[in-house]
Protein backbone atom coordinates (compact mmCIF):
# COMPACT_ATOMS: atom_id res chain seq x y z
CA MET A 1 -3.09 -11.86 -19.92
CA ILE A 2 -4.36 -15.41 -19.57
CA TYR A 3 -3.56 -17.25 -16.34
CA THR A 4 -3.83 -20.98 -15.70
CA PRO A 5 -4.80 -21.79 -12.09
CA SER A 6 -2.21 -23.68 -10.09
CA THR A 7 -3.52 -26.61 -8.02
CA VAL A 8 -0.72 -26.26 -5.47
CA ALA A 9 -1.34 -22.52 -5.19
CA VAL A 10 -5.07 -23.05 -4.72
CA VAL A 11 -4.40 -25.54 -1.90
CA PHE A 12 -2.05 -23.13 -0.10
CA PHE A 13 -4.45 -20.26 -0.67
CA PHE A 14 -7.35 -22.01 1.06
CA LEU A 15 -5.02 -23.40 3.76
CA PHE A 16 -3.86 -19.89 4.68
CA VAL A 17 -7.42 -18.58 4.64
CA ALA A 18 -8.56 -21.48 6.85
CA VAL A 19 -5.74 -20.90 9.37
CA THR A 20 -6.47 -17.16 9.43
CA LEU A 21 -10.19 -17.62 10.00
CA GLY A 22 -9.59 -20.38 12.56
CA LEU A 23 -7.30 -18.07 14.51
CA SER A 24 -9.91 -15.35 14.34
CA PHE A 25 -12.71 -17.54 15.69
CA TYR A 26 -10.45 -18.95 18.41
CA LEU A 27 -9.46 -15.48 19.64
CA GLY A 28 -12.95 -14.09 19.33
CA SER A 29 -13.90 -15.26 22.80
CA ARG A 30 -11.16 -13.01 24.27
CA ALA A 31 -12.49 -9.74 22.86
CA LYS A 32 -15.92 -9.13 24.36
CA SER A 33 -15.27 -5.67 25.86
CA SER A 34 -14.47 -2.49 23.94
CA GLN A 35 -10.98 -2.47 25.51
CA GLY A 36 -10.40 -5.98 24.13
CA TYR A 37 -12.05 -5.34 20.77
CA PHE A 38 -10.25 -2.07 19.95
CA ALA A 39 -6.93 -2.44 21.81
CA ALA A 40 -6.47 -6.14 22.76
CA HIS A 41 -6.54 -5.08 26.45
CA GLY A 42 -3.10 -3.47 25.93
CA GLN A 43 -1.50 -6.85 26.59
CA ILE A 44 0.26 -7.60 23.27
CA PRO A 45 4.01 -8.29 23.88
CA TRP A 46 6.20 -5.52 22.42
CA PHE A 47 8.10 -7.87 20.09
CA VAL A 48 4.89 -9.36 18.71
CA ASN A 49 3.50 -5.86 18.30
CA GLY A 50 6.67 -4.78 16.47
CA VAL A 51 6.40 -7.60 13.94
CA ALA A 52 2.67 -6.87 13.69
CA PHE A 53 3.64 -3.27 12.84
CA ALA A 54 5.55 -4.71 9.89
CA GLY A 55 2.66 -6.99 9.03
CA ASP A 56 0.26 -4.06 9.15
CA TYR A 57 2.53 -1.72 7.20
CA LEU A 58 3.91 -4.11 4.56
CA SER A 59 0.77 -4.00 2.51
CA ALA A 60 -0.11 -4.87 -1.08
CA ALA A 61 1.62 -1.61 -2.03
CA SER A 62 4.90 -2.72 -0.48
CA PHE A 63 4.96 -6.24 -1.84
CA LEU A 64 3.05 -6.05 -5.13
CA GLY A 65 3.28 -2.37 -6.02
CA ILE A 66 6.93 -1.62 -5.24
CA CYS A 67 8.22 -4.87 -6.73
CA GLY A 68 6.13 -4.17 -9.83
CA MET A 69 7.41 -0.61 -10.24
CA ILE A 70 11.03 -1.73 -9.87
CA ALA A 71 10.43 -4.58 -12.34
CA PHE A 72 8.93 -2.22 -14.94
CA TYR A 73 11.05 0.91 -14.44
CA GLY A 74 14.12 0.06 -12.37
CA TYR A 75 15.53 1.92 -9.37
CA ASP A 76 12.81 4.58 -9.34
CA GLY A 77 10.33 2.14 -7.81
CA PHE A 78 12.70 1.80 -4.84
CA LEU A 79 12.19 5.48 -4.03
CA TYR A 80 8.80 4.50 -2.61
CA SER A 81 10.60 2.11 -0.22
CA ILE A 82 12.93 4.89 0.90
CA GLY A 83 10.01 7.22 1.55
CA TYR A 84 8.00 4.58 3.41
CA LEU A 85 10.93 3.64 5.66
CA ALA A 86 12.00 7.22 6.37
CA GLY A 87 8.52 7.92 7.70
CA TRP A 88 9.15 5.57 10.61
CA ILE A 89 11.76 7.98 11.96
CA VAL A 90 8.91 10.43 12.58
CA ALA A 91 6.86 7.65 14.15
CA LEU A 92 9.72 6.63 16.47
CA PHE A 93 10.92 10.03 17.69
CA VAL A 94 7.70 12.06 17.56
CA VAL A 95 4.62 9.87 17.82
CA ALA A 96 5.24 6.53 19.56
CA GLU A 97 5.36 7.40 23.26
CA PRO A 98 2.94 10.38 23.20
CA MET A 99 0.31 8.33 21.37
CA LYS A 100 0.45 5.64 24.05
CA ARG A 101 0.39 8.24 26.83
CA LEU A 102 -2.43 10.40 25.44
CA GLY A 103 -4.89 7.91 24.02
CA LYS A 104 -6.93 4.84 24.76
CA PHE A 105 -8.63 3.48 21.64
CA THR A 106 -8.38 5.79 18.60
CA PHE A 107 -6.38 8.62 17.04
CA ALA A 108 -9.11 11.05 18.14
CA ASP A 109 -8.41 10.12 21.77
CA ALA A 110 -4.90 11.57 21.48
CA LEU A 111 -6.04 14.80 19.80
CA ASN A 112 -8.83 15.20 22.33
CA SER A 113 -6.85 14.36 25.48
CA ARG A 114 -6.48 18.00 26.52
CA PHE A 115 -9.79 19.48 25.34
CA GLN A 116 -12.54 16.84 25.67
CA SER A 117 -14.26 18.37 22.63
CA ARG A 118 -16.98 16.72 20.59
CA GLY A 119 -15.85 18.77 17.60
CA ILE A 120 -12.35 17.28 17.72
CA LYS A 121 -13.71 13.74 18.01
CA LEU A 122 -16.03 14.35 15.08
CA ALA A 123 -13.34 15.88 12.84
CA ALA A 124 -10.71 13.25 13.74
CA GLY A 125 -13.26 10.44 13.33
CA VAL A 126 -14.20 11.61 9.83
CA SER A 127 -10.51 11.99 8.95
CA THR A 128 -9.76 8.46 10.15
CA LEU A 129 -12.65 7.11 8.12
CA VAL A 130 -11.60 8.95 4.94
CA VAL A 131 -7.91 8.02 5.20
CA SER A 132 -8.70 4.38 5.98
CA ILE A 133 -11.07 4.04 3.05
CA PHE A 134 -8.58 5.75 0.72
CA TYR A 135 -5.85 3.36 1.89
CA LEU A 136 -8.19 0.40 1.50
CA ILE A 137 -8.45 0.98 -2.26
CA PRO A 138 -4.92 -0.22 -3.19
CA GLN A 139 -5.21 -3.19 -0.84
CA MET A 140 -8.39 -4.35 -2.55
CA VAL A 141 -6.90 -3.75 -5.99
CA GLY A 142 -3.96 -5.94 -4.94
CA ALA A 143 -6.35 -8.63 -3.74
CA GLY A 144 -8.02 -8.83 -7.13
CA VAL A 145 -4.63 -8.98 -8.84
CA LEU A 146 -3.55 -11.94 -6.71
CA VAL A 147 -6.65 -14.05 -7.16
CA GLN A 148 -6.48 -13.93 -10.97
CA PRO A 149 -3.46 -16.27 -11.37
CA LEU A 150 -4.25 -18.25 -8.21
CA LEU A 151 -7.84 -19.25 -8.91
CA GLY A 152 -8.36 -18.15 -12.50
CA LEU A 153 -11.15 -15.83 -11.36
CA PRO A 154 -11.77 -12.27 -12.59
CA HIS A 155 -10.43 -9.27 -10.68
CA TRP A 156 -13.76 -8.38 -9.07
CA ALA A 157 -14.10 -11.89 -7.62
CA GLY A 158 -10.78 -11.56 -5.81
CA VAL A 159 -11.83 -8.24 -4.34
CA VAL A 160 -15.08 -9.72 -3.08
CA ILE A 161 -13.33 -12.77 -1.56
CA VAL A 162 -10.87 -10.59 0.35
CA GLY A 163 -13.56 -8.19 1.50
CA ALA A 164 -15.77 -10.97 2.81
CA THR A 165 -12.88 -12.76 4.57
CA VAL A 166 -11.64 -9.60 6.28
CA ILE A 167 -15.11 -8.62 7.44
CA VAL A 168 -15.38 -12.03 9.15
CA ILE A 169 -11.95 -11.54 10.80
CA VAL A 170 -12.76 -8.09 12.17
CA VAL A 171 -16.30 -8.89 13.25
CA THR A 172 -15.32 -12.05 15.13
CA ALA A 173 -12.35 -10.90 17.21
CA GLY A 174 -11.26 -7.31 16.58
CA MET A 175 -7.73 -6.22 17.49
CA VAL A 176 -6.67 -9.49 19.15
CA SER A 177 -7.23 -11.48 15.97
CA THR A 178 -5.95 -8.69 13.72
CA THR A 179 -2.68 -8.43 15.66
CA TRP A 180 -1.87 -12.13 15.48
CA VAL A 181 -2.83 -12.32 11.81
CA GLN A 182 -0.46 -9.42 11.14
CA PHE A 183 2.32 -11.03 13.21
CA PHE A 184 1.82 -14.30 11.34
CA LYS A 185 1.87 -12.80 7.87
CA GLY A 186 4.61 -10.24 8.63
CA SER A 187 6.97 -12.99 9.75
CA LEU A 188 6.23 -15.19 6.75
CA LEU A 189 6.49 -12.32 4.27
CA VAL A 190 9.98 -11.30 5.43
CA ILE A 191 11.25 -14.91 5.68
CA PHE A 192 10.06 -16.06 2.24
CA SER A 193 11.05 -12.81 0.55
CA ALA A 194 14.57 -13.49 1.85
CA VAL A 195 14.36 -17.04 0.46
CA LEU A 196 13.26 -15.69 -2.91
CA THR A 197 16.12 -13.16 -2.90
CA VAL A 198 18.68 -15.89 -2.17
CA MET A 199 17.30 -17.89 -5.12
CA ILE A 200 17.58 -14.81 -7.37
CA LEU A 201 21.25 -14.39 -6.44
CA GLU A 202 21.90 -18.11 -6.86
CA ARG A 203 20.38 -18.10 -10.35
CA GLY A 204 22.28 -15.02 -11.51
CA PHE A 205 21.75 -13.62 -15.01
CA GLU A 206 21.50 -15.44 -18.32
CA VAL A 207 21.23 -14.10 -21.86
CA GLU A 208 18.07 -15.30 -23.60
CA SER A 209 19.18 -15.80 -27.20
CA ASP A 210 16.10 -17.69 -28.40
CA ARG A 211 13.65 -14.83 -27.83
CA PRO A 212 11.87 -13.47 -30.92
CA ASP A 213 13.43 -10.32 -32.33
CA SER A 214 10.20 -8.40 -32.02
CA GLN A 215 6.75 -8.95 -30.67
CA SER A 216 3.97 -6.72 -29.46
CA VAL A 217 1.01 -7.09 -27.15
CA THR A 218 -2.18 -5.18 -27.88
CA VAL A 219 -4.90 -4.81 -25.25
CA THR A 220 -8.24 -3.31 -26.27
CA SER A 221 -10.80 -1.67 -24.01
CA ASP A 222 -13.17 -4.63 -24.46
CA GLY A 223 -10.62 -6.95 -22.83
CA LYS A 224 -9.14 -8.62 -25.93
CA THR A 225 -5.41 -9.38 -25.92
CA LEU A 226 -3.50 -9.77 -29.19
CA VAL A 227 0.08 -10.90 -29.72
CA ASN A 228 1.56 -9.69 -33.00
CA GLY A 229 -2.01 -9.05 -34.16
CA LEU A 230 -3.33 -12.53 -33.35
CA PRO A 231 -5.62 -13.54 -30.44
CA MET A 232 -3.64 -14.79 -27.48
CA GLY A 233 -4.44 -18.22 -26.07
CA SER A 234 -3.42 -21.84 -25.98
CA SER A 235 -5.62 -23.22 -28.76
CA PRO A 236 -4.16 -24.10 -32.18
CA GLY A 237 -4.00 -21.07 -34.42
CA GLU A 238 -3.86 -18.66 -31.50
CA ALA A 239 -0.74 -16.71 -30.65
CA SER A 240 1.37 -17.22 -27.54
CA LEU A 241 3.48 -14.58 -25.86
CA ALA A 242 7.10 -15.48 -25.29
CA PRO A 243 8.05 -14.78 -21.65
CA VAL A 244 9.09 -11.18 -21.32
CA GLY A 245 11.64 -9.32 -19.24
CA HIS A 246 15.10 -10.65 -19.97
CA ILE A 247 18.81 -9.90 -20.27
CA SER A 248 19.85 -9.34 -23.88
CA LYS A 249 23.54 -8.64 -23.25
CA LEU A 250 25.96 -9.32 -20.39
CA PRO A 251 29.37 -7.68 -19.80
CA GLY A 252 32.19 -9.36 -21.74
CA ASP A 253 29.62 -10.97 -24.08
CA ILE A 254 29.23 -13.91 -21.74
CA THR A 255 25.95 -15.85 -21.82
CA SER A 256 25.60 -16.64 -18.10
CA THR A 257 27.00 -15.30 -14.86
CA GLY A 258 26.30 -18.13 -12.46
CA PRO A 259 25.61 -17.27 -8.80
CA LEU A 260 26.14 -13.62 -7.84
CA GLY A 261 26.91 -11.87 -4.58
CA PRO A 262 24.59 -9.15 -3.20
CA LEU A 263 26.75 -6.29 -4.54
CA GLU A 264 27.97 -8.15 -7.63
CA PHE A 265 24.30 -8.46 -8.66
CA PHE A 266 24.06 -4.68 -9.13
CA SER A 267 27.49 -4.16 -10.72
CA THR A 268 26.75 -6.86 -13.30
CA LEU A 269 23.31 -5.49 -14.08
CA GLN A 270 24.74 -1.99 -14.51
CA GLU A 271 27.01 -3.22 -17.34
CA SER A 272 24.31 -5.31 -19.02
CA GLU A 273 21.45 -4.62 -21.44
CA VAL A 274 17.89 -5.50 -20.43
CA VAL A 275 14.76 -5.69 -22.56
CA LEU A 276 12.05 -3.64 -20.87
CA TRP A 277 8.58 -2.95 -22.24
CA GLY A 278 6.97 0.37 -23.08
CA SER A 279 3.36 1.15 -23.90
CA GLU A 280 1.38 3.58 -26.02
CA THR A 281 -2.37 4.13 -25.72
CA SER A 282 -4.56 5.49 -28.50
CA VAL A 283 -8.23 6.48 -28.39
CA GLY A 284 -10.53 5.62 -31.29
CA ASP A 285 -13.29 7.78 -32.73
CA ASP A 286 -15.84 5.74 -30.77
CA GLY A 287 -14.04 6.38 -27.49
CA SER A 288 -12.51 2.88 -27.27
CA THR A 289 -8.86 2.59 -26.22
CA THR A 290 -6.08 0.42 -27.57
CA THR A 291 -2.81 -0.03 -25.70
CA VAL A 292 0.21 -1.48 -27.50
CA TYR A 293 3.11 -2.88 -25.46
CA SER A 294 6.46 -3.33 -27.21
CA PRO A 295 10.00 -4.28 -26.12
CA LYS A 296 12.70 -1.65 -25.71
CA PRO A 297 16.35 -2.65 -25.04
CA THR A 298 17.65 -0.55 -22.14
CA LEU A 299 21.11 -0.14 -20.65
CA GLY A 300 21.51 -1.44 -17.11
CA SER A 301 23.15 1.82 -16.06
CA GLN A 302 19.95 3.62 -17.06
CA ILE A 303 17.80 1.17 -15.09
CA LEU A 304 19.81 1.77 -11.91
CA ARG A 305 19.75 5.56 -11.99
CA PRO A 306 16.90 7.64 -10.55
CA GLY A 307 14.59 9.86 -12.55
CA GLU A 308 13.73 7.54 -15.45
CA HIS A 309 10.15 6.75 -14.42
CA PRO A 310 7.60 9.33 -15.67
CA ARG A 311 6.39 9.77 -12.10
CA PHE A 312 9.89 10.62 -10.88
CA LYS A 313 11.03 12.68 -13.83
CA GLY A 314 11.21 15.66 -11.50
CA ILE A 315 14.64 14.39 -10.38
CA ARG A 316 16.13 15.08 -13.81
CA SER A 317 13.56 17.35 -15.43
CA ASP A 318 14.03 21.09 -15.89
CA ASN A 319 10.27 21.56 -15.49
CA PHE A 320 9.56 23.17 -12.11
CA THR A 321 6.15 21.49 -11.67
CA ASP A 322 7.75 18.07 -12.26
CA LYS A 323 10.21 18.79 -9.45
CA LEU A 324 7.38 19.90 -7.17
CA ASN A 325 5.42 16.73 -7.92
CA PHE A 326 8.39 14.54 -6.93
CA LEU A 327 9.13 16.53 -3.76
CA SER A 328 5.45 16.45 -2.87
CA LEU A 329 5.33 12.65 -3.12
CA MET A 330 8.47 12.21 -1.00
CA LEU A 331 7.11 14.62 1.62
CA ALA A 332 3.82 12.71 1.77
CA LEU A 333 5.58 9.36 2.20
CA PHE A 334 7.85 10.77 4.91
CA CYS A 335 5.03 12.41 6.86
CA GLY A 336 2.26 9.95 6.11
CA THR A 337 3.48 6.94 8.11
CA ALA A 338 3.09 8.69 11.45
CA SER A 339 -0.38 9.83 10.40
CA LEU A 340 -2.01 6.56 9.33
CA PRO A 341 -4.87 5.65 11.69
CA HIS A 342 -4.33 1.89 11.53
CA ILE A 343 -0.66 2.39 12.50
CA LEU A 344 -1.44 4.86 15.29
CA ILE A 345 -4.00 2.62 17.03
CA ARG A 346 -1.42 -0.17 17.30
CA TYR A 347 0.33 1.83 20.02
CA TYR A 348 -2.66 1.15 22.27
CA THR A 349 -2.13 -2.62 22.16
CA VAL A 350 1.00 -2.58 24.38
CA LYS A 351 1.18 -1.87 28.10
CA ASP A 352 3.30 1.31 28.33
CA GLU A 353 5.38 3.94 26.49
CA ALA A 354 8.60 1.92 26.70
CA ALA A 355 6.89 -1.03 25.01
CA ALA A 356 5.55 1.34 22.33
CA ARG A 357 9.08 2.59 21.62
CA LYS A 358 10.60 -0.91 21.52
CA SER A 359 7.88 -2.27 19.26
CA THR A 360 8.50 0.64 16.86
CA ILE A 361 12.21 -0.25 16.69
CA VAL A 362 11.39 -3.90 15.94
CA GLY A 363 8.98 -2.74 13.25
CA ILE A 364 11.63 -0.51 11.65
CA GLY A 365 14.10 -3.41 11.57
CA CYS A 366 11.66 -5.81 9.88
CA ILE A 367 10.37 -3.20 7.45
CA GLY A 368 13.84 -1.92 6.50
CA PHE A 369 15.12 -5.44 5.82
CA PHE A 370 12.10 -6.21 3.67
CA TYR A 371 12.49 -3.04 1.60
CA VAL A 372 16.09 -3.94 0.76
CA LEU A 373 14.75 -7.27 -0.51
CA THR A 374 12.20 -5.53 -2.76
CA LEU A 375 15.07 -4.12 -4.85
CA TYR A 376 16.39 -7.63 -5.54
CA MET A 377 12.92 -9.05 -6.15
CA GLY A 378 11.91 -6.24 -8.50
CA LEU A 379 15.09 -6.43 -10.57
CA GLY A 380 14.93 -10.22 -10.46
CA ALA A 381 11.41 -10.08 -11.89
CA MET A 382 12.61 -7.64 -14.57
CA THR A 383 15.12 -10.22 -15.83
CA SER A 384 13.22 -13.44 -15.05
CA GLY A 385 11.33 -13.81 -18.33
CA SER A 386 8.02 -14.13 -16.53
CA MET A 387 6.52 -10.65 -16.44
CA ASP A 388 3.00 -9.71 -17.39
CA VAL A 389 3.49 -6.53 -19.41
CA THR A 390 -0.13 -5.49 -18.85
CA ASN A 391 -0.03 -5.69 -15.04
CA SER A 392 2.88 -4.37 -13.00
CA ASN A 393 1.32 -5.64 -9.75
CA MET A 394 1.94 -9.28 -10.77
CA ALA A 395 5.75 -9.03 -10.92
CA ALA A 396 6.62 -10.67 -7.57
CA PRO A 397 4.21 -13.66 -7.79
CA LEU A 398 5.23 -14.38 -11.39
CA LEU A 399 8.91 -14.18 -10.39
CA ALA A 400 8.22 -16.84 -7.76
CA ARG A 401 6.44 -18.96 -10.37
CA SER A 402 9.52 -18.81 -12.63
CA MET A 403 11.50 -20.33 -9.77
CA SER A 404 9.14 -22.99 -8.47
CA GLU A 405 5.45 -23.78 -8.50
CA LEU A 406 5.60 -24.46 -4.76
CA LEU A 407 7.33 -21.13 -4.09
CA PHE A 408 4.71 -19.40 -6.23
CA ALA A 409 1.99 -21.01 -4.14
CA ILE A 410 3.59 -19.95 -0.85
CA ILE A 411 4.45 -16.40 -1.99
CA SER A 412 0.98 -15.83 -3.44
CA ALA A 413 -0.71 -17.15 -0.30
CA ILE A 414 1.52 -14.94 1.88
CA ALA A 415 0.77 -11.96 -0.35
CA PHE A 416 -2.91 -12.71 0.11
CA THR A 417 -2.56 -12.77 3.90
CA THR A 418 -0.59 -9.51 3.56
CA VAL A 419 -3.70 -7.98 2.07
CA LEU A 420 -5.87 -9.58 4.76
CA GLY A 421 -3.74 -8.23 7.60
CA THR A 422 -3.56 -4.66 6.32
CA VAL A 423 -7.23 -4.52 5.36
CA SER A 424 -8.17 -5.89 8.79
CA GLY A 425 -6.25 -3.09 10.50
CA LEU A 426 -7.81 -0.44 8.27
CA ILE A 427 -11.36 -1.67 8.74
CA LEU A 428 -10.80 -1.92 12.50
CA ALA A 429 -9.53 1.68 12.56
CA SER A 430 -12.61 2.74 10.59
CA ALA A 431 -14.94 0.83 12.87
CA GLY A 432 -13.33 2.40 15.94
CA ALA A 433 -13.73 5.86 14.44
CA VAL A 434 -17.42 5.28 13.80
CA ALA A 435 -18.28 3.64 17.13
CA HIS A 436 -15.92 5.46 19.50
CA ASP A 437 -15.71 8.89 17.85
CA LEU A 438 -18.58 9.65 15.45
CA VAL A 439 -21.54 7.93 17.12
CA ALA A 440 -20.28 8.92 20.57
CA SER A 441 -20.13 12.57 19.41
CA PHE A 442 -23.83 12.57 18.59
CA SER A 443 -25.00 10.40 21.48
CA GLU A 444 -26.28 12.21 24.57
CA ASN A 445 -25.54 9.22 26.78
CA GLU A 446 -22.24 7.39 26.99
CA LEU A 447 -22.32 4.13 25.04
CA SER A 448 -21.83 0.90 26.93
CA ASP A 449 -19.09 -1.58 26.00
CA TYR A 450 -21.64 -3.82 24.33
CA GLU A 451 -23.08 -0.97 22.25
CA GLN A 452 -19.65 0.25 21.11
CA VAL A 453 -18.60 -3.21 19.98
CA ARG A 454 -21.93 -3.84 18.25
CA ILE A 455 -21.74 -0.53 16.34
CA ALA A 456 -18.12 -1.23 15.43
CA LYS A 457 -19.03 -4.61 13.96
CA ILE A 458 -21.86 -3.13 11.90
CA SER A 459 -19.48 -0.40 10.71
CA SER A 460 -16.94 -3.04 9.69
CA VAL A 461 -19.46 -4.61 7.35
CA VAL A 462 -20.38 -1.25 5.79
CA VAL A 463 -16.76 -0.10 5.35
CA GLY A 464 -15.84 -3.49 3.94
CA ALA A 465 -18.61 -3.21 1.34
CA ILE A 466 -17.42 0.29 0.36
CA ALA A 467 -13.85 -1.00 0.02
CA ILE A 468 -15.01 -3.82 -2.26
CA VAL A 469 -16.74 -1.38 -4.62
CA LEU A 470 -13.77 1.01 -4.74
CA GLY A 471 -11.30 -1.87 -5.26
CA ILE A 472 -13.18 -2.82 -8.42
CA VAL A 473 -13.47 0.76 -9.72
CA PHE A 474 -9.74 1.61 -9.31
CA LYS A 475 -8.35 -1.68 -10.65
CA GLU A 476 -6.26 -0.06 -13.41
CA LEU A 477 -3.89 1.89 -11.12
CA ASN A 478 -0.62 0.63 -9.62
CA VAL A 479 -1.17 -0.02 -5.92
CA SER A 480 1.93 1.90 -4.79
CA TYR A 481 0.74 4.97 -6.62
CA LEU A 482 -2.66 4.76 -4.92
CA VAL A 483 -0.95 4.48 -1.54
CA GLY A 484 0.98 7.69 -2.30
CA TRP A 485 -2.37 9.47 -2.45
CA ALA A 486 -3.53 7.89 0.83
CA PHE A 487 -0.33 9.04 2.54
CA SER A 488 -0.90 12.58 1.25
CA VAL A 489 -4.41 12.69 2.72
CA ALA A 490 -3.23 11.21 6.04
CA ALA A 491 -0.28 13.58 6.40
CA SER A 492 -2.34 16.63 5.41
CA ALA A 493 -5.26 15.86 7.72
CA ASN A 494 -3.64 14.32 10.79
CA LEU A 495 0.03 15.25 11.16
CA PRO A 496 -0.26 19.05 11.68
CA ALA A 497 -2.81 18.61 14.49
CA LEU A 498 -0.84 15.84 16.21
CA VAL A 499 2.56 17.53 16.02
CA MET A 500 1.32 20.95 17.12
CA LEU A 501 -0.67 19.45 20.01
CA LEU A 502 2.54 17.83 21.27
CA PHE A 503 4.93 20.75 20.76
CA TRP A 504 2.98 24.02 20.88
CA LYS A 505 1.13 25.05 24.01
CA GLY A 506 -0.82 27.64 22.06
CA THR A 507 -2.80 25.01 20.17
CA THR A 508 -6.57 25.37 20.65
CA ARG A 509 -9.41 22.98 19.97
CA GLN A 510 -10.66 25.23 17.17
CA GLY A 511 -7.21 25.15 15.59
CA ILE A 512 -7.12 21.34 15.69
CA ILE A 513 -10.58 21.03 14.15
CA ALA A 514 -9.76 23.54 11.40
CA ALA A 515 -6.42 21.90 10.58
CA VAL A 516 -7.96 18.43 10.27
CA VAL A 517 -10.84 19.62 8.11
CA VAL A 518 -8.77 21.87 5.84
CA GLY A 519 -5.97 19.33 5.42
CA MET A 520 -8.38 16.53 4.59
CA THR A 521 -10.62 18.43 2.18
CA SER A 522 -7.81 20.26 0.37
CA SER A 523 -5.80 17.06 -0.27
CA LEU A 524 -8.88 15.16 -1.42
CA ALA A 525 -9.92 17.99 -3.73
CA TRP A 526 -6.41 18.23 -5.21
CA ILE A 527 -6.29 14.49 -5.92
CA LEU A 528 -9.74 14.45 -7.52
CA LEU A 529 -8.75 17.35 -9.81
CA SER A 530 -5.33 15.95 -10.79
CA ALA A 531 -4.19 14.75 -14.23
CA ASP A 532 -3.83 11.11 -13.12
CA THR A 533 -7.40 11.00 -11.80
CA PHE A 534 -8.72 12.65 -14.96
CA ALA A 535 -6.97 10.10 -17.18
CA LYS A 536 -7.19 6.87 -15.14
CA VAL A 537 -10.52 7.29 -13.31
CA TYR A 538 -12.68 9.76 -15.22
CA GLY A 539 -11.42 8.76 -18.68
CA LEU A 540 -10.85 12.43 -19.56
CA PRO A 541 -7.76 14.02 -21.18
CA ALA A 542 -5.03 14.60 -18.60
CA GLU A 543 -4.38 18.11 -19.92
CA ASN A 544 -7.85 19.13 -18.72
CA ALA A 545 -6.80 18.68 -15.08
CA LEU A 546 -7.39 21.71 -12.86
CA VAL A 547 -4.23 21.41 -10.72
CA PRO A 548 -0.64 21.68 -12.00
CA PHE A 549 0.66 18.37 -10.58
CA SER A 550 -0.82 15.21 -9.10
CA GLN A 551 0.72 14.88 -5.62
CA PRO A 552 -0.80 17.42 -3.18
CA GLY A 553 1.39 17.00 -0.09
CA ILE A 554 3.81 19.86 -0.68
CA VAL A 555 0.84 22.27 -0.71
CA THR A 556 -1.68 20.69 1.64
CA ILE A 557 0.62 19.58 4.51
CA PRO A 558 2.00 23.12 5.11
CA LEU A 559 -1.56 24.42 4.63
CA GLY A 560 -2.67 22.26 7.58
CA PHE A 561 0.07 23.69 9.82
CA VAL A 562 -0.65 27.27 8.77
CA THR A 563 -4.38 26.79 9.33
CA LEU A 564 -3.83 25.44 12.84
CA VAL A 565 -1.51 28.28 13.84
CA VAL A 566 -3.74 31.03 12.43
CA VAL A 567 -6.98 29.66 13.88
CA SER A 568 -5.35 28.95 17.25
CA LEU A 569 -4.04 32.51 17.48
CA MET A 570 -7.47 33.86 16.59
CA THR A 571 -9.27 31.70 19.17
CA ARG A 572 -6.74 31.57 22.00
CA SER A 573 -8.85 33.74 24.31
CA ARG A 574 -11.79 31.38 23.81
CA SER A 575 -9.84 28.10 23.98
CA ALA A 576 -11.27 27.19 27.33
CA VAL A 577 -14.86 27.52 26.11
């Protein structure tokens, strides 16, 4: 699609970036020691930390990906929200207080609290690095998506801009700056998403009778976009695409509903007909691909029932592997939250276990409220007449643009800081793993505060560069789907070791190391051999995939638990060695 840069949006974009960087430089002077750099001296107020939890967790996947999936497919996209939120129950009742009690800087500290083993620090450090980098991919993809309509720049330019900005944030001030950036953007994201939802309800639904009866969008592998066979653009003789995503029929054959209540919004949509868009991709003899997008009238009752999205067809399908794929995704989302390194290290920024518990409750409240709003925003985008059929990640910003240019500017800038906050936390978790866990495991002498911080800053630059490259390579995938993979790796690698350490006295250091390594490698291998990776990354036929379904969690999470138990039983007599 062709985007025209918005002057107002550009101004807000650079204003938000300037405020974020200014805050980072200002707080940089307060983070000279490793305790300050990695954990903000444990002095973050619990309420601020709770909102920062939301700011850290409500990533590009939550805002761009979930809204986009709901806008394109209906209720099924909301299943990601349910999975994400349910995972916080594990974090609250299982992880919050023990993490604060057992650790100091990193996830490896908690696993290693009983054993003081270099092997555990090494395995947990590598796991943290892998999970963080995997989770960085969708954030960087989302960054590129946002910059396209804001600045009129290509996707790769947006990824580079975000990567460079975040590296500056992390290098200058560490956790102090990252926490306040996340608090700042988490607050704004929830507030303005609520404003946008109120405007959706106030606008209601309206039948678009002047839309063309049929039109199609064709996108070729060389980047050309055609509308009804003609080049798309604004010049004379070039085709233009009528805004897509609209109501074609309302109950009682009315043409407009006027303002709707929160529940009336869903009951009206259920009795309406909405024009969604489907796509078909063909491969030419020369290997080039052509994707044709075309409208498909769909009943509202079908939009609001689960199991319609191809990824969630396991709900209604009779195919056993489809059901396993769906259950595997839900299990990964439920278990993954309490296993994400950048979430776990936030428990070290408050003063005690009570503050850790209270900040988790605040985070759950903010996150739960936001996820309810995503359902309204996604369905509002579906019917707003402003969707980009070639890019599901643009649904929420384009919805805001259909309301107001100013709101578009604010929402896009907030979405950009959403990416900044999450990426900052991930890079900081990666840097901590390298400096505090990996390098320390190989160093014969204990590193000084200055050396740990210096290594962490160098690591931040390297991890940021890797994230930039991967964000460009994976640009075609929906960000929520990418996050599902990251959650699977996190839950498979980290959760079995953490849970068994807390609740089974028979856990040994060898069992922890084996569980982390097996969970991490098995989930990564499964993902790399899946049908989605074959089709979307390798460009190979999906039927050539070597595993039966794409989501590994239902296999690899239990495998991690079994591995820990078996290895611990085999090594119990040597656990003190």
